[in-house]
C-alpha atoms as a PDB file:
ATOM      1  CA  MET A   1     -77.827 -27.725 -90.735  1.00  0.00           C
ATOM      2  CA  THR A   2     -74.099 -26.251 -91.566  1.00  0.00           C
ATOM      3  CA  SER A   3     -71.531 -26.474 -88.695  1.00  0.00           C
ATOM      4  CA  ARG A   4     -69.581 -23.865 -88.032  1.00  0.00           C
ATOM      5  CA  HIS A   5     -66.576 -25.876 -88.746  1.00  0.00           C
ATOM      6  CA  GLU A   6     -68.531 -26.280 -92.398  1.00  0.00           C
ATOM      7  CA  ALA A   7     -69.121 -22.851 -92.949  1.00  0.00           C
ATOM      8  CA  GLU A   8     -65.399 -21.782 -92.153  1.00  0.00           C
ATOM      9  CA  THR A   9     -63.468 -24.785 -93.939  1.00  0.00           C
ATOM     10  CA  GLY A  10     -65.905 -25.817 -96.550  1.00  0.00           C
ATOM     11  CA  ARG A  11     -65.484 -29.341 -95.344  1.00  0.00           C
ATOM     12  CA  PRO A  12     -67.919 -31.560 -93.414  1.00  0.00           C
ATOM     13  CA  ALA A  13     -67.034 -31.914 -89.382  1.00  0.00           C
ATOM     14  CA  GLN A  14     -65.197 -35.405 -88.596  1.00  0.00           C
ATOM     15  CA  ARG A  15     -66.839 -36.903 -85.712  1.00  0.00           C
ATOM     16  CA  VAL A  16     -64.119 -37.850 -83.119  1.00  0.00           C
ATOM     17  CA  ALA A  17     -63.574 -41.946 -82.954  1.00  0.00           C
ATOM     18  CA  HIS A  18     -63.143 -42.887 -79.181  1.00  0.00           C
ATOM     19  CA  ALA A  19     -61.223 -45.997 -78.276  1.00  0.00           C
ATOM     20  CA  HIS A  20     -64.884 -47.515 -76.608  1.00  0.00           C
ATOM     21  CA  GLN A  21     -68.094 -46.480 -75.874  1.00  0.00           C
ATOM     22  CA  THR A  22     -68.508 -45.125 -72.194  1.00  0.00           C
ATOM     23  CA  LEU A  23     -71.248 -43.682 -69.941  1.00  0.00           C
ATOM     24  CA  GLY A  24     -70.584 -40.646 -67.710  1.00  0.00           C
ATOM     25  CA  PHE A  25     -66.724 -40.319 -66.766  1.00  0.00           C
ATOM     26  CA  GLY A  26     -65.182 -43.433 -68.315  1.00  0.00           C
ATOM     27  CA  VAL A  27     -67.347 -45.871 -67.439  1.00  0.00           C
ATOM     28  CA  PRO A  28     -67.577 -48.713 -69.784  1.00  0.00           C
ATOM     29  CA  ALA A  29     -70.667 -49.406 -71.498  1.00  0.00           C
ATOM     30  CA  THR A  30     -71.154 -52.732 -70.984  1.00  0.00           C
ATOM     31  CA  SER A  31     -73.429 -54.841 -68.494  1.00  0.00           C
ATOM     32  CA  ASP A  32     -73.096 -54.132 -65.132  1.00  0.00           C
ATOM     33  CA  PRO A  33     -69.435 -53.112 -64.415  1.00  0.00           C
ATOM     34  CA  HIS A  34     -67.585 -51.874 -61.237  1.00  0.00           C
ATOM     35  CA  HIS A  35     -68.233 -48.529 -60.931  1.00  0.00           C
ATOM     36  CA  PHE A  36     -68.884 -45.248 -58.877  1.00  0.00           C
ATOM     37  CA  VAL A  37     -72.123 -43.093 -59.308  1.00  0.00           C
ATOM     38  CA  VAL A  38     -72.274 -39.598 -57.722  1.00  0.00           C
ATOM     39  CA  SER A  39     -75.699 -38.598 -57.211  1.00  0.00           C
ATOM     40  CA  ILE A  40     -76.460 -34.925 -57.590  1.00  0.00           C
ATOM     41  CA  PRO A  41     -79.961 -33.694 -56.641  1.00  0.00           C
ATOM     42  CA  ARG A  42     -81.574 -31.092 -57.770  1.00  0.00           C
ATOM     43  CA  GLY A  43     -81.386 -27.765 -55.599  1.00  0.00           C
ATOM     44  CA  ASN A  44     -78.165 -25.964 -54.100  1.00  0.00           C
ATOM     45  CA  THR A  45     -78.496 -27.577 -50.467  1.00  0.00           C
ATOM     46  CA  THR A  46     -79.047 -30.982 -50.843  1.00  0.00           C
ATOM     47  CA  ALA A  47     -75.914 -33.192 -49.825  1.00  0.00           C
ATOM     48  CA  VAL A  48     -74.310 -35.163 -52.827  1.00  0.00           C
ATOM     49  CA  LEU A  49     -73.930 -38.867 -52.387  1.00  0.00           C
ATOM     50  CA  ILE A  50     -71.064 -40.925 -53.308  1.00  0.00           C
ATOM     51  CA  SER A  51     -71.419 -44.699 -53.819  1.00  0.00           C
ATOM     52  CA  GLU A  52     -69.244 -47.423 -55.074  1.00  0.00           C
ATOM     53  CA  HIS A  53     -71.447 -50.307 -57.519  1.00  0.00           C
ATOM     54  CA  LEU A  54     -69.409 -53.784 -57.463  1.00  0.00           C
ATOM     55  CA  GLY A  55     -71.290 -54.715 -60.690  1.00  0.00           C
ATOM     56  CA  MET A  56     -71.344 -58.234 -61.632  1.00  0.00           C
ATOM     57  CA  GLY A  57     -67.588 -58.864 -60.554  1.00  0.00           C
ATOM     58  CA  ALA A  58     -69.122 -58.867 -57.087  1.00  0.00           C
ATOM     59  CA  GLY A  59     -70.283 -62.638 -57.719  1.00  0.00           C
ATOM     60  CA  THR A  60     -72.144 -63.249 -54.258  1.00  0.00           C
ATOM     61  CA  ALA A  61     -71.157 -60.347 -52.148  1.00  0.00           C
ATOM     62  CA  PRO A  62     -74.112 -59.073 -49.639  1.00  0.00           C
ATOM     63  CA  GLU A  63     -73.541 -55.662 -50.564  1.00  0.00           C
ATOM     64  CA  GLN A  64     -73.558 -54.960 -54.611  1.00  0.00           C
ATOM     65  CA  VAL A  65     -73.606 -50.929 -53.667  1.00  0.00           C
ATOM     66  CA  LEU A  66     -71.604 -49.381 -50.788  1.00  0.00           C
ATOM     67  CA  ASP A  67     -72.171 -45.735 -49.848  1.00  0.00           C
ATOM     68  CA  ARG A  68     -68.953 -44.432 -49.426  1.00  0.00           C
ATOM     69  CA  VAL A  69     -69.349 -40.621 -48.413  1.00  0.00           C
ATOM     70  CA  MET A  70     -72.096 -38.054 -48.005  1.00  0.00           C
ATOM     71  CA  LEU A  71     -70.895 -34.318 -48.930  1.00  0.00           C
ATOM     72  CA  GLN A  72     -72.481 -31.068 -48.043  1.00  0.00           C
ATOM     73  CA  ARG A  73     -73.373 -29.234 -51.110  1.00  0.00           C
ATOM     74  CA  LEU A  74     -71.104 -26.369 -50.162  1.00  0.00           C
ATOM     75  CA  ARG A  75     -68.216 -28.801 -50.158  1.00  0.00           C
ATOM     76  CA  TRP A  76     -68.972 -30.841 -53.321  1.00  0.00           C
ATOM     77  CA  THR A  77     -69.596 -27.121 -55.398  1.00  0.00           C
ATOM     78  CA  ALA A  78     -65.756 -26.483 -54.376  1.00  0.00           C
ATOM     79  CA  ILE A  79     -64.574 -29.563 -55.555  1.00  0.00           C
ATOM     80  CA  ARG A  80     -66.818 -30.233 -58.562  1.00  0.00           C
ATOM     81  CA  ALA A  81     -64.757 -27.989 -61.184  1.00  0.00           C
ATOM     82  CA  GLU A  82     -60.992 -28.933 -60.596  1.00  0.00           C
ATOM     83  CA  VAL A  83     -62.287 -32.977 -60.535  1.00  0.00           C
ATOM     84  CA  GLN A  84     -64.359 -32.830 -63.667  1.00  0.00           C
ATOM     85  CA  ARG A  85     -61.354 -30.685 -65.552  1.00  0.00           C
ATOM     86  CA  ALA A  86     -58.711 -33.276 -64.072  1.00  0.00           C
ATOM     87  CA  PHE A  87     -60.822 -36.020 -65.178  1.00  0.00           C
ATOM     88  CA  ASN A  88     -61.530 -35.345 -68.652  1.00  0.00           C
ATOM     89  CA  ALA A  89     -57.874 -34.422 -69.083  1.00  0.00           C
ATOM     90  CA  ARG A  90     -57.390 -38.324 -68.183  1.00  0.00           C
ATOM     91  CA  LEU A  91     -60.209 -39.343 -70.343  1.00  0.00           C
ATOM     92  CA  LYS A  92     -59.055 -37.542 -73.151  1.00  0.00           C
ATOM     93  CA  ALA A  93     -55.265 -38.906 -72.909  1.00  0.00           C
ATOM     94  CA  HIS A  94     -56.693 -42.308 -72.982  1.00  0.00           C
ATOM     95  CA  ASN A  95     -59.226 -41.126 -76.293  1.00  0.00           C
ATOM     96  CA  LEU A  96     -62.430 -41.713 -74.391  1.00  0.00           C
ATOM     97  CA  ALA A  97     -65.213 -39.300 -74.073  1.00  0.00           C
ATOM     98  CA  SER A  98     -65.491 -36.504 -71.661  1.00  0.00           C
ATOM     99  CA  SER A  99     -68.093 -35.446 -69.859  1.00  0.00           C
ATOM    100  CA  THR A 100     -69.937 -32.707 -67.123  1.00  0.00           C
ATOM    101  CA  TRP A 101     -71.610 -33.420 -63.804  1.00  0.00           C
ATOM    102  CA  LYS A 102     -75.192 -33.109 -63.838  1.00  0.00           C
ATOM    103  CA  VAL A 103     -78.337 -33.575 -61.612  1.00  0.00           C
ATOM    104  CA  GLY A 104     -78.998 -37.051 -60.772  1.00  0.00           C
ATOM    105  CA  ASP A 105     -76.454 -40.145 -61.127  1.00  0.00           C
ATOM    106  CA  ASN A 106     -73.210 -39.596 -63.002  1.00  0.00           C
ATOM    107  CA  PRO A 107     -71.415 -42.691 -63.406  1.00  0.00           C
ATOM    108  CA  VAL A 108     -67.741 -42.559 -63.071  1.00  0.00           C
ATOM    109  CA  ASP A 109     -65.070 -45.082 -63.658  1.00  0.00           C
ATOM    110  CA  ARG A 110     -63.797 -47.395 -60.475  1.00  0.00           C
ATOM    111  CA  LEU A 111     -60.340 -45.854 -60.294  1.00  0.00           C
ATOM    112  CA  LEU A 112     -61.558 -42.456 -60.801  1.00  0.00           C
ATOM    113  CA  GLY A 113     -64.061 -43.063 -58.347  1.00  0.00           C
ATOM    114  CA  LYS A 114     -61.543 -44.480 -55.972  1.00  0.00           C
ATOM    115  CA  GLU A 115     -59.668 -40.875 -56.507  1.00  0.00           C
ATOM    116  CA  LEU A 116     -62.855 -38.795 -55.912  1.00  0.00           C
ATOM    117  CA  CYS A 117     -63.207 -41.004 -52.495  1.00  0.00           C
ATOM    118  CA  VAL A 118     -59.862 -39.851 -51.804  1.00  0.00           C
ATOM    119  CA  LEU A 119     -60.603 -36.251 -51.821  1.00  0.00           C
ATOM    120  CA  ALA A 120     -64.235 -36.315 -50.624  1.00  0.00           C
ATOM    121  CA  TRP A 121     -63.055 -38.382 -47.449  1.00  0.00           C
ATOM    122  CA  ALA A 122     -60.229 -35.471 -46.929  1.00  0.00           C
ATOM    123  CA  ILE A 123     -62.801 -32.564 -46.996  1.00  0.00           C
ATOM    124  CA  GLU A 124     -66.073 -34.186 -45.619  1.00  0.00           C
ATOM    125  CA  GLN A 125     -65.245 -32.452 -42.246  1.00  0.00           C
ATOM    126  CA  LEU A 126     -62.246 -30.170 -43.498  1.00  0.00           C
ATOM    127  CA  ASP A 127     -62.345 -26.130 -42.532  1.00  0.00           C
ATOM    128  CA  PRO A 128     -63.725 -25.210 -45.876  1.00  0.00           C
ATOM    129  CA  GLU A 129     -60.913 -22.425 -46.179  1.00  0.00           C
ATOM    130  CA  LYS A 130     -58.568 -25.441 -46.206  1.00  0.00           C
ATOM    131  CA  ILE A 131     -60.663 -26.992 -49.152  1.00  0.00           C
ATOM    132  CA  PRO A 132     -58.864 -25.340 -51.956  1.00  0.00           C
ATOM    133  CA  LEU A 133     -55.585 -26.337 -50.641  1.00  0.00           C
ATOM    134  CA  ALA A 134     -56.574 -30.317 -49.927  1.00  0.00           C
ATOM    135  CA  VAL A 135     -57.699 -29.928 -53.745  1.00  0.00           C
ATOM    136  CA  ARG A 136     -54.417 -28.635 -54.693  1.00  0.00           C
ATOM    137  CA  ASN A 137     -52.501 -31.438 -52.618  1.00  0.00           C
ATOM    138  CA  TRP A 138     -55.022 -34.163 -54.245  1.00  0.00           C
ATOM    139  CA  LEU A 139     -54.098 -32.861 -57.891  1.00  0.00           C
ATOM    140  CA  ALA A 140     -50.271 -33.520 -56.796  1.00  0.00           C
ATOM    141  CA  LEU A 141     -50.542 -36.976 -56.073  1.00  0.00           C
ATOM    142  CA  ARG A 142     -50.266 -39.416 -58.894  1.00  0.00           C
ATOM    143  CA  PRO A 143     -53.120 -41.543 -59.607  1.00  0.00           C
ATOM    144  CA  GLU A 144     -51.593 -45.004 -57.988  1.00  0.00           C
ATOM    145  CA  GLU A 145     -50.756 -42.812 -55.005  1.00  0.00           C
ATOM    146  CA  ARG A 146     -54.687 -42.023 -55.050  1.00  0.00           C
ATOM    147  CA  TRP A 147     -55.404 -45.782 -55.486  1.00  0.00           C
ATOM    148  CA  TRP A 148     -53.239 -46.939 -52.728  1.00  0.00           C
ATOM    149  CA  LEU A 149     -55.083 -44.112 -50.459  1.00  0.00           C
ATOM    150  CA  PHE A 150     -58.699 -45.699 -51.201  1.00  0.00           C
ATOM    151  CA  GLY A 151     -57.488 -49.143 -50.302  1.00  0.00           C
ATOM    152  CA  MET A 152     -55.913 -48.399 -47.181  1.00  0.00           C
ATOM    153  CA  THR A 153     -59.103 -46.114 -45.916  1.00  0.00           C
ATOM    154  CA  ALA A 154     -61.918 -48.412 -47.467  1.00  0.00           C
ATOM    155  CA  VAL A 155     -60.802 -51.660 -45.588  1.00  0.00           C
ATOM    156  CA  ALA A 156     -61.722 -50.440 -42.392  1.00  0.00           C
ATOM    157  CA  SER A 157     -63.292 -46.800 -42.345  1.00  0.00           C
ATOM    158  CA  GLY A 158     -64.837 -46.419 -45.900  1.00  0.00           C
ATOM    159  CA  GLY A 159     -68.738 -46.123 -45.073  1.00  0.00           C
ATOM    160  CA  LEU A 160     -71.069 -43.230 -44.321  1.00  0.00           C
ATOM    161  CA  GLN A 161     -70.513 -43.269 -40.482  1.00  0.00           C
ATOM    162  CA  ASP A 162     -66.820 -43.241 -40.437  1.00  0.00           C
ATOM    163  CA  GLY A 163     -65.725 -39.912 -40.955  1.00  0.00           C
ATOM    164  CA  GLU A 164     -63.957 -40.020 -37.325  1.00  0.00           C
ATOM    165  CA  HIS A 165     -62.232 -43.053 -37.566  1.00  0.00           C
ATOM    166  CA  GLY A 166     -58.740 -44.445 -38.779  1.00  0.00           C
ATOM    167  CA  TRP A 167     -57.452 -43.299 -42.126  1.00  0.00           C
ATOM    168  CA  ARG A 168     -60.545 -40.957 -42.927  1.00  0.00           C
ATOM    169  CA  VAL A 169     -58.953 -38.754 -40.459  1.00  0.00           C
ATOM    170  CA  ALA A 170     -55.425 -39.300 -41.533  1.00  0.00           C
ATOM    171  CA  LEU A 171     -56.588 -38.157 -44.959  1.00  0.00           C
ATOM    172  CA  ARG A 172     -58.107 -35.136 -43.642  1.00  0.00           C
ATOM    173  CA  TYR A 173     -54.709 -33.847 -42.275  1.00  0.00           C
ATOM    174  CA  ALA A 174     -52.549 -35.221 -44.955  1.00  0.00           C
ATOM    175  CA  LEU A 175     -54.345 -33.401 -47.797  1.00  0.00           C
ATOM    176  CA  GLY A 176     -55.608 -30.654 -45.893  1.00  0.00           C
ATOM    177  CA  ASP A 177     -52.184 -29.580 -44.063  1.00  0.00           C
ATOM    178  CA  VAL A 178     -49.218 -28.723 -45.977  1.00  0.00           C
ATOM    179  CA  ALA A 179     -46.348 -30.219 -44.161  1.00  0.00           C
ATOM    180  CA  GLN A 180     -48.368 -33.544 -43.464  1.00  0.00           C
ATOM    181  CA  ASN A 181     -48.750 -33.716 -47.485  1.00  0.00           C
ATOM    182  CA  ALA A 182     -45.129 -32.723 -47.974  1.00  0.00           C
ATOM    183  CA  GLN A 183     -44.220 -35.892 -45.947  1.00  0.00           C
ATOM    184  CA  LEU A 184     -46.866 -38.259 -47.442  1.00  0.00           C
ATOM    185  CA  HIS A 185     -45.669 -37.345 -50.614  1.00  0.00           C
ATOM    186  CA  SER A 186     -42.062 -38.235 -49.657  1.00  0.00           C
ATOM    187  CA  ARG A 187     -43.071 -41.851 -48.460  1.00  0.00           C
ATOM    188  CA  PHE A 188     -44.104 -42.602 -52.062  1.00  0.00           C
ATOM    189  CA  GLU A 189     -41.127 -40.968 -53.510  1.00  0.00           C
ATOM    190  CA  THR A 190     -38.661 -43.141 -51.724  1.00  0.00           C
ATOM    191  CA  ARG A 191     -40.471 -46.509 -52.522  1.00  0.00           C
ATOM    192  CA  LYS A 192     -38.444 -48.965 -54.443  1.00  0.00           C
ATOM    193  CA  PRO A 193     -39.247 -48.195 -58.178  1.00  0.00           C
ATOM    194  CA  ASP A 194     -41.179 -50.357 -60.474  1.00  0.00           C
ATOM    195  CA  SER A 195     -39.015 -53.328 -62.387  1.00  0.00           C
ATOM    196  CA  ASN A 196     -40.610 -51.984 -65.441  1.00  0.00           C
ATOM    197  CA  GLY A 197     -39.034 -48.499 -65.007  1.00  0.00           C
ATOM    198  CA  PRO A 198     -38.979 -45.327 -62.605  1.00  0.00           C
ATOM    199  CA  ASN A 199     -41.383 -43.886 -64.846  1.00  0.00           C
ATOM    200  CA  GLN A 200     -44.281 -46.509 -65.412  1.00  0.00           C
ATOM    201  CA  THR A 201     -47.676 -45.243 -65.063  1.00  0.00           C
ATOM    202  CA  LEU A 202     -50.638 -47.407 -65.049  1.00  0.00           C
ATOM    203  CA  GLY A 203     -53.424 -47.084 -67.452  1.00  0.00           C
ATOM    204  CA  LEU A 204     -56.952 -45.609 -66.677  1.00  0.00           C
ATOM    205  CA  PHE A 205     -58.395 -49.099 -66.993  1.00  0.00           C
ATOM    206  CA  ASP A 206     -55.272 -51.035 -65.171  1.00  0.00           C
END
């Protein structure tokens, strides 16, 4: 079948060559990598589960899969489009295939998954009217800042039942409130620059 590109230019369409093969949102197509999974059930009311799969790197860890957060469907619906847009922009920048959310299990790169958890934790019990604000504040953070927030939160309050504990509550106020978010961002801006230069940004898989 002739593609639209071929019909308009008379030349066959060239297939984009990606840096390497991936599954879902940037998960390396290797044997059991560390990644996250967003499980989206059929229907419009069932909650969405975000879990962390430690993969082969976990060694003899007793728990290979950690359920991180369960989002009510209306809350997931409120963030899914912006998250997909942001993730695909990052994947494109690293010459990797983009993806879309679908019913079933959606693999997500381990670093992108950490970033998603930060937003999901912030909105899991947030006033629905403030969710768009939380999304904007989340988008304003650099990837390294989101990774740091995940690490701080996951240590002591990263499970399904920890929504009212420690950093989970702090994230709700930090991203769901303008003043709190400004203070949070100010803390990162005043940190000592990295020795490799003030504008250095870590790569997606670093």
